[in-house]
Amino acid sequence: MQKTIITVVGKDTVGIIAKVCTYLADNQINILDISQTIVDGFFNMMMITDTEECTKDLAKLRHELHQVGQEIGVNIHIQHEEIFEMMHRI
């Protein structure tokens, strides 16, 4: 399993989850866990995903998810689970 963390942040609009999840499904990326909140009109989502079946490298995914984010007006970031954990250790 190749776990990655995907975060999506921006102004709430219709279809954010649908657009992101469609991209992931089209690229054989499985969502293992998902958390989503909307606070005062701002959308925040964090996903733990498995990219093992995806044929694209992380740089390509990062670029394409950035483009998806631009289309829907949100910021999307992806990183390996290990990097995320190291950045958030106390």
N, C-alpha and C. Protein backbone atom coordinates (compact mmCIF):
# COMPACT_ATOMS: atom_id res chain seq x y z
N MET A 1 0.85 -1.18 0.00
CA MET A 1 0.00 0.00 0.00
C MET A 1 0.89 1.24 0.00
N GLN A 2 0.53 2.21 -0.83
CA GLN A 2 1.25 3.48 -0.91
C GLN A 2 0.31 4.59 -0.48
N LYS A 3 0.38 4.96 0.79
CA LYS A 3 -0.55 5.95 1.33
C LYS A 3 -0.07 7.37 1.02
N THR A 4 -1.06 8.19 0.65
CA THR A 4 -0.82 9.62 0.46
C THR A 4 -1.90 10.39 1.20
N ILE A 5 -1.58 11.63 1.53
CA ILE A 5 -2.53 12.52 2.18
C ILE A 5 -2.88 13.61 1.17
N ILE A 6 -4.19 13.80 0.96
CA ILE A 6 -4.67 14.84 0.06
C ILE A 6 -5.49 15.81 0.88
N THR A 7 -5.18 17.11 0.76
CA THR A 7 -5.97 18.14 1.42
C THR A 7 -6.59 19.06 0.37
N VAL A 8 -7.81 19.48 0.65
CA VAL A 8 -8.55 20.37 -0.25
C VAL A 8 -9.12 21.49 0.61
N VAL A 9 -8.78 22.73 0.27
CA VAL A 9 -9.22 23.89 1.05
C VAL A 9 -9.65 25.00 0.11
N GLY A 10 -10.77 25.65 0.43
CA GLY A 10 -11.22 26.78 -0.37
C GLY A 10 -12.63 27.18 -0.04
N LYS A 11 -13.14 28.14 -0.77
CA LYS A 11 -14.51 28.60 -0.60
C LYS A 11 -15.45 27.48 -1.03
N ASP A 12 -16.47 27.21 -0.24
CA ASP A 12 -17.39 26.12 -0.53
C ASP A 12 -18.22 26.41 -1.78
N THR A 13 -18.28 25.43 -2.67
CA THR A 13 -19.13 25.49 -3.85
C THR A 13 -19.67 24.08 -4.12
N VAL A 14 -20.66 24.01 -4.95
CA VAL A 14 -21.25 22.72 -5.32
C VAL A 14 -20.26 21.92 -6.16
N GLY A 15 -20.09 20.64 -5.84
CA GLY A 15 -19.34 19.73 -6.69
C GLY A 15 -17.87 19.52 -6.36
N ILE A 16 -17.38 20.09 -5.28
CA ILE A 16 -15.96 19.93 -4.95
C ILE A 16 -15.63 18.46 -4.73
N ILE A 17 -16.38 17.80 -3.86
CA ILE A 17 -16.11 16.40 -3.56
C ILE A 17 -16.27 15.55 -4.81
N ALA A 18 -17.30 15.80 -5.59
CA ALA A 18 -17.53 15.03 -6.81
C ALA A 18 -16.37 15.15 -7.78
N LYS A 19 -15.88 16.35 -7.98
CA LYS A 19 -14.79 16.58 -8.94
C LYS A 19 -13.50 15.89 -8.48
N VAL A 20 -13.16 16.05 -7.20
CA VAL A 20 -11.94 15.45 -6.68
C VAL A 20 -12.05 13.93 -6.71
N CYS A 21 -13.17 13.40 -6.25
CA CYS A 21 -13.33 11.93 -6.21
C CYS A 21 -13.38 11.32 -7.60
N THR A 22 -13.93 12.02 -8.56
CA THR A 22 -13.94 11.53 -9.94
C THR A 22 -12.51 11.43 -10.47
N TYR A 23 -11.70 12.46 -10.20
CA TYR A 23 -10.29 12.41 -10.61
C TYR A 23 -9.59 11.21 -9.98
N LEU A 24 -9.80 11.01 -8.68
CA LEU A 24 -9.16 9.89 -8.00
C LEU A 24 -9.60 8.56 -8.58
N ALA A 25 -10.88 8.38 -8.79
CA ALA A 25 -11.39 7.12 -9.36
C ALA A 25 -10.83 6.89 -10.76
N ASP A 26 -10.77 7.93 -11.57
CA ASP A 26 -10.24 7.81 -12.94
C ASP A 26 -8.77 7.40 -12.94
N ASN A 27 -8.07 7.63 -11.83
CA ASN A 27 -6.64 7.32 -11.74
C ASN A 27 -6.35 6.15 -10.80
N GLN A 28 -7.37 5.37 -10.51
CA GLN A 28 -7.21 4.16 -9.69
C GLN A 28 -6.64 4.46 -8.30
N ILE A 29 -7.06 5.58 -7.74
CA ILE A 29 -6.63 5.97 -6.39
C ILE A 29 -7.79 5.69 -5.44
N ASN A 30 -7.53 4.85 -4.45
CA ASN A 30 -8.57 4.44 -3.51
C ASN A 30 -8.57 5.34 -2.28
N ILE A 31 -9.75 5.79 -1.87
CA ILE A 31 -9.89 6.60 -0.66
C ILE A 31 -10.03 5.66 0.52
N LEU A 32 -9.10 5.74 1.45
CA LEU A 32 -9.12 4.90 2.65
C LEU A 32 -9.87 5.56 3.79
N ASP A 33 -9.75 6.87 3.90
CA ASP A 33 -10.43 7.62 4.95
C ASP A 33 -10.64 9.04 4.45
N ILE A 34 -11.72 9.66 4.92
CA ILE A 34 -12.03 11.01 4.46
C ILE A 34 -12.71 11.78 5.59
N SER A 35 -12.32 13.05 5.72
CA SER A 35 -12.93 13.95 6.68
C SER A 35 -13.17 15.27 5.98
N GLN A 36 -14.36 15.82 6.17
CA GLN A 36 -14.71 17.05 5.47
C GLN A 36 -15.54 17.94 6.38
N THR A 37 -15.22 19.22 6.39
CA THR A 37 -15.99 20.18 7.16
C THR A 37 -16.19 21.46 6.35
N ILE A 38 -17.22 22.18 6.71
CA ILE A 38 -17.46 23.51 6.15
C ILE A 38 -17.64 24.44 7.33
N VAL A 39 -16.79 25.46 7.40
CA VAL A 39 -16.84 26.42 8.49
C VAL A 39 -17.01 27.81 7.88
N ASP A 40 -18.14 28.44 8.19
CA ASP A 40 -18.41 29.80 7.72
C ASP A 40 -18.17 29.96 6.22
N GLY A 41 -18.59 28.96 5.45
CA GLY A 41 -18.48 29.04 4.00
C GLY A 41 -17.16 28.56 3.42
N PHE A 42 -16.25 28.11 4.27
CA PHE A 42 -14.97 27.60 3.79
C PHE A 42 -14.93 26.09 3.90
N PHE A 43 -14.57 25.45 2.81
CA PHE A 43 -14.53 23.99 2.68
C PHE A 43 -13.15 23.48 3.04
N ASN A 44 -13.11 22.41 3.84
CA ASN A 44 -11.84 21.79 4.21
C ASN A 44 -12.02 20.27 4.17
N MET A 45 -11.19 19.58 3.41
CA MET A 45 -11.28 18.13 3.31
C MET A 45 -9.88 17.53 3.38
N MET A 46 -9.78 16.42 4.10
CA MET A 46 -8.53 15.68 4.19
C MET A 46 -8.84 14.22 3.87
N MET A 47 -8.04 13.64 3.01
CA MET A 47 -8.23 12.25 2.63
C MET A 47 -6.93 11.47 2.80
N ILE A 48 -7.06 10.25 3.26
CA ILE A 48 -5.95 9.32 3.21
C ILE A 48 -6.26 8.38 2.06
N THR A 49 -5.34 8.27 1.13
CA THR A 49 -5.58 7.49 -0.08
C THR A 49 -4.48 6.46 -0.31
N ASP A 50 -4.80 5.49 -1.15
CA ASP A 50 -3.84 4.48 -1.56
C ASP A 50 -3.60 4.65 -3.05
N THR A 51 -2.36 4.98 -3.42
CA THR A 51 -2.01 5.23 -4.82
C THR A 51 -1.27 4.06 -5.47
N GLU A 52 -1.28 2.92 -4.82
CA GLU A 52 -0.52 1.77 -5.32
C GLU A 52 -0.93 1.35 -6.73
N GLU A 53 -2.21 1.44 -7.06
CA GLU A 53 -2.69 1.01 -8.38
C GLU A 53 -2.57 2.11 -9.45
N CYS A 54 -2.22 3.31 -9.02
CA CYS A 54 -2.10 4.44 -9.95
C CYS A 54 -0.79 4.33 -10.72
N THR A 55 -0.84 4.60 -12.02
CA THR A 55 0.36 4.51 -12.87
C THR A 55 1.15 5.82 -12.92
N LYS A 56 0.61 6.89 -12.36
CA LYS A 56 1.28 8.19 -12.41
C LYS A 56 2.14 8.38 -11.16
N ASP A 57 3.27 9.10 -11.32
CA ASP A 57 4.10 9.39 -10.15
C ASP A 57 3.51 10.57 -9.37
N LEU A 58 4.04 10.79 -8.19
CA LEU A 58 3.49 11.82 -7.31
C LEU A 58 3.58 13.22 -7.93
N ALA A 59 4.63 13.50 -8.65
CA ALA A 59 4.78 14.82 -9.28
C ALA A 59 3.66 15.07 -10.29
N LYS A 60 3.33 14.06 -11.08
CA LYS A 60 2.25 14.18 -12.07
C LYS A 60 0.91 14.35 -11.35
N LEU A 61 0.67 13.56 -10.31
CA LEU A 61 -0.57 13.69 -9.55
C LEU A 61 -0.68 15.09 -8.94
N ARG A 62 0.41 15.57 -8.37
CA ARG A 62 0.44 16.90 -7.76
C ARG A 62 0.05 17.97 -8.79
N HIS A 63 0.65 17.88 -9.98
CA HIS A 63 0.36 18.85 -11.04
C HIS A 63 -1.10 18.78 -11.48
N GLU A 64 -1.60 17.57 -11.71
CA GLU A 64 -2.98 17.41 -12.19
C GLU A 64 -3.99 17.80 -11.12
N LEU A 65 -3.73 17.46 -9.86
CA LEU A 65 -4.64 17.87 -8.80
C LEU A 65 -4.64 19.39 -8.62
N HIS A 66 -3.49 20.01 -8.81
CA HIS A 66 -3.43 21.48 -8.78
C HIS A 66 -4.33 22.06 -9.86
N GLN A 67 -4.30 21.47 -11.05
CA GLN A 67 -5.16 21.93 -12.15
C GLN A 67 -6.64 21.73 -11.82
N VAL A 68 -6.98 20.59 -11.25
CA VAL A 68 -8.37 20.33 -10.83
C VAL A 68 -8.78 21.40 -9.83
N GLY A 69 -7.92 21.69 -8.88
CA GLY A 69 -8.21 22.71 -7.88
C GLY A 69 -8.45 24.08 -8.50
N GLN A 70 -7.64 24.44 -9.48
CA GLN A 70 -7.82 25.72 -10.15
C GLN A 70 -9.17 25.79 -10.85
N GLU A 71 -9.58 24.69 -11.46
CA GLU A 71 -10.87 24.64 -12.16
C GLU A 71 -12.04 24.89 -11.22
N ILE A 72 -11.93 24.41 -9.98
CA ILE A 72 -13.06 24.53 -9.05
C ILE A 72 -12.83 25.55 -7.94
N GLY A 73 -11.71 26.24 -7.98
CA GLY A 73 -11.46 27.34 -7.06
C GLY A 73 -11.03 26.94 -5.66
N VAL A 74 -10.28 25.82 -5.56
CA VAL A 74 -9.76 25.38 -4.27
C VAL A 74 -8.28 25.05 -4.41
N ASN A 75 -7.60 24.91 -3.28
CA ASN A 75 -6.21 24.48 -3.26
C ASN A 75 -6.17 23.00 -2.89
N ILE A 76 -5.52 22.20 -3.73
CA ILE A 76 -5.40 20.77 -3.47
C ILE A 76 -3.92 20.43 -3.36
N HIS A 77 -3.57 19.73 -2.28
CA HIS A 77 -2.19 19.30 -2.06
C HIS A 77 -2.16 17.81 -1.81
N ILE A 78 -1.11 17.15 -2.30
CA ILE A 78 -0.92 15.73 -2.07
C ILE A 78 0.51 15.50 -1.63
N GLN A 79 0.69 14.60 -0.66
CA GLN A 79 2.03 14.25 -0.21
C GLN A 79 2.02 12.84 0.36
N HIS A 80 3.20 12.22 0.35
CA HIS A 80 3.33 10.89 0.92
C HIS A 80 2.99 10.94 2.40
N GLU A 81 2.41 9.87 2.90
CA GLU A 81 2.03 9.79 4.31
C GLU A 81 3.23 10.03 5.23
N GLU A 82 4.38 9.48 4.88
CA GLU A 82 5.56 9.62 5.73
C GLU A 82 5.97 11.09 5.87
N ILE A 83 5.91 11.83 4.79
CA ILE A 83 6.26 13.26 4.82
C ILE A 83 5.26 14.02 5.69
N PHE A 84 3.99 13.72 5.51
CA PHE A 84 2.95 14.36 6.31
C PHE A 84 3.18 14.10 7.79
N GLU A 85 3.45 12.86 8.13
CA GLU A 85 3.67 12.51 9.54
C GLU A 85 4.90 13.22 10.11
N MET A 86 5.97 13.29 9.34
CA MET A 86 7.18 13.96 9.82
C MET A 86 6.94 15.46 10.03
N MET A 87 6.16 16.06 9.19
CA MET A 87 5.87 17.48 9.30
C MET A 87 4.98 17.79 10.50
N HIS A 88 4.19 16.83 10.95
CA HIS A 88 3.23 17.07 12.01
C HIS A 88 3.56 16.36 13.32
N ARG A 89 4.80 15.93 13.45
CA ARG A 89 5.23 15.32 14.71
C ARG A 89 5.47 16.39 15.76
N ILE A 90 5.20 16.03 16.97
CA ILE A 90 5.42 16.99 18.08
C ILE A 90 6.76 16.72 18.70
